[in-house]
Amino acid sequence: DFERVWYSNVSPIFTNFIIMDIIITWIFFIYNKIMGDKEGLKDDEGTMLQKTMNEKITSYKYNLYVEFSYFNLIIFMGIFLSGGMPIMIPLAWASLFSRYITSRSVLQTLSSKI
């Protein structure tokens, strides 16, 4: 049985977790966009080889199980805790939407280079 005191004790933890997750998702997305790794595509002589470029681009692996577990965690937290903290519903939606936009952008960027 969850009482008002319990929600007042744990609400900062869960809301801060989701808020920080939204912020960190966008920070890493922007950082990866700005700091593209072109040095890794150069061979020993300093020239970019097509073989190296193809290997770097096609070796990208999308960890679907990590994204699915993250999705389940946010959905669970949003639904389970929204009875005492109604702010969890919009925060969960914003977190999932941020993750969707950044993941989709990464996949579209990489798939257009193949």
Protein backbone atom coordinates (compact mmCIF):
# COMPACT_ATOMS: atom_id res chain seq x y z
CA ASP A 1 0.00 0.00 0.00
CA PHE A 2 1.60 3.24 -1.14
CA GLU A 3 0.94 6.19 1.08
CA ARG A 4 1.47 9.88 0.45
CA VAL A 5 4.65 9.87 2.55
CA TRP A 6 6.18 7.15 0.38
CA TYR A 7 5.50 9.14 -2.79
CA SER A 8 6.97 12.29 -1.27
CA ASN A 9 10.12 10.35 -0.35
CA VAL A 10 10.72 8.61 -3.67
CA SER A 11 9.30 11.09 -6.17
CA PRO A 12 12.52 13.14 -6.48
CA ILE A 13 14.47 9.99 -7.29
CA PHE A 14 12.21 8.77 -10.08
CA THR A 15 11.47 12.16 -11.60
CA ASN A 16 15.15 13.12 -11.57
CA PHE A 17 16.02 9.80 -13.21
CA ILE A 18 13.70 10.46 -16.13
CA ILE A 19 14.64 14.14 -16.44
CA MET A 20 18.36 13.32 -16.43
CA ASP A 21 17.77 10.54 -18.95
CA ILE A 22 16.11 12.99 -21.35
CA ILE A 23 18.93 15.50 -20.95
CA ILE A 24 21.72 12.94 -21.28
CA THR A 25 20.09 11.37 -24.35
CA TRP A 26 20.14 14.72 -26.16
CA ILE A 27 23.63 15.65 -24.92
CA PHE A 28 25.14 12.43 -26.28
CA PHE A 29 23.18 12.79 -29.51
CA ILE A 30 24.49 16.34 -30.08
CA TYR A 31 28.02 15.35 -29.03
CA ASN A 32 28.06 12.46 -31.50
CA LYS A 33 26.76 14.73 -34.28
CA ILE A 34 29.41 17.38 -33.63
CA MET A 35 32.35 15.08 -32.94
CA GLY A 36 32.09 12.70 -35.87
CA ASP A 37 34.91 10.13 -35.87
CA LYS A 38 36.69 10.60 -39.19
CA GLU A 39 40.13 9.87 -37.77
CA GLY A 40 39.14 6.25 -37.28
CA LEU A 41 38.55 5.92 -41.02
CA LYS A 42 42.16 6.70 -41.92
CA ASP A 43 44.69 3.98 -42.52
CA ASP A 44 48.38 3.99 -41.50
CA GLU A 45 49.34 6.38 -44.31
CA GLY A 46 46.67 8.92 -43.35
CA THR A 47 44.37 8.37 -46.32
CA MET A 48 40.79 7.20 -46.16
CA LEU A 49 40.25 3.84 -47.74
CA GLN A 50 36.89 2.74 -49.10
CA LYS A 51 37.34 -0.67 -47.50
CA THR A 52 37.89 0.90 -44.07
CA MET A 53 34.92 3.23 -44.52
CA ASN A 54 32.63 0.36 -45.52
CA GLU A 55 33.79 -1.73 -42.56
CA LYS A 56 33.19 1.11 -40.06
CA ILE A 57 29.76 1.95 -41.43
CA THR A 58 28.35 -1.55 -41.93
CA SER A 59 29.68 -2.89 -38.63
CA TYR A 60 27.21 -0.75 -36.66
CA LYS A 61 25.06 -2.94 -34.43
CA TYR A 62 21.81 -1.68 -32.94
CA ASN A 63 21.18 -3.30 -29.57
CA LEU A 64 17.45 -3.83 -29.75
CA TYR A 65 17.28 -5.70 -26.44
CA VAL A 66 18.76 -2.68 -24.63
CA GLU A 67 16.24 -0.31 -26.20
CA PHE A 68 13.36 -2.68 -25.44
CA SER A 69 14.39 -3.05 -21.78
CA TYR A 70 14.68 0.74 -21.52
CA PHE A 71 11.21 1.10 -23.08
CA ASN A 72 9.73 -1.37 -20.57
CA LEU A 73 11.42 0.41 -17.63
CA ILE A 74 10.05 3.81 -18.59
CA ILE A 75 6.57 2.47 -19.31
CA PHE A 76 6.53 0.63 -15.96
CA MET A 77 7.72 3.67 -14.02
CA GLY A 78 5.26 5.95 -15.81
CA ILE A 79 2.22 3.76 -15.27
CA PHE A 80 3.07 2.38 -11.84
CA LEU A 81 4.00 5.69 -10.24
CA SER A 82 1.59 8.01 -12.04
CA GLY A 83 -1.11 7.45 -9.41
CA GLY A 84 0.82 9.46 -6.85
CA MET A 85 2.95 11.52 -9.24
CA PRO A 86 0.92 12.57 -12.28
CA ILE A 87 3.97 14.29 -13.76
CA MET A 88 5.39 10.84 -14.57
CA ILE A 89 3.10 10.40 -17.59
CA PRO A 90 4.38 13.46 -19.52
CA LEU A 91 7.96 12.78 -18.41
CA ALA A 92 7.76 9.17 -19.57
CA TRP A 93 6.30 10.29 -22.89
CA ALA A 94 9.05 12.91 -23.35
CA SER A 95 11.73 10.35 -22.49
CA LEU A 96 10.40 7.77 -24.94
CA PHE A 97 9.91 10.39 -27.64
CA SER A 98 13.48 11.68 -27.18
CA ARG A 99 14.88 8.17 -27.41
CA TYR A 100 12.77 7.47 -30.50
CA ILE A 101 13.89 10.64 -32.32
CA THR A 102 17.59 10.14 -31.53
CA SER A 103 17.56 6.42 -32.40
CA ARG A 104 15.69 7.05 -35.62
CA SER A 105 18.12 9.78 -36.61
CA VAL A 106 21.10 7.52 -35.94
CA LEU A 107 19.61 4.69 -37.97
CA GLN A 108 18.68 6.98 -40.87
CA THR A 109 22.12 8.56 -40.89
CA LEU A 110 23.90 5.23 -40.92
CA SER A 111 21.57 3.54 -43.39
CA SER A 112 21.97 6.37 -45.90
CA LYS A 113 25.74 5.79 -45.94
CA ILE A 114 25.49 2.10 -46.78
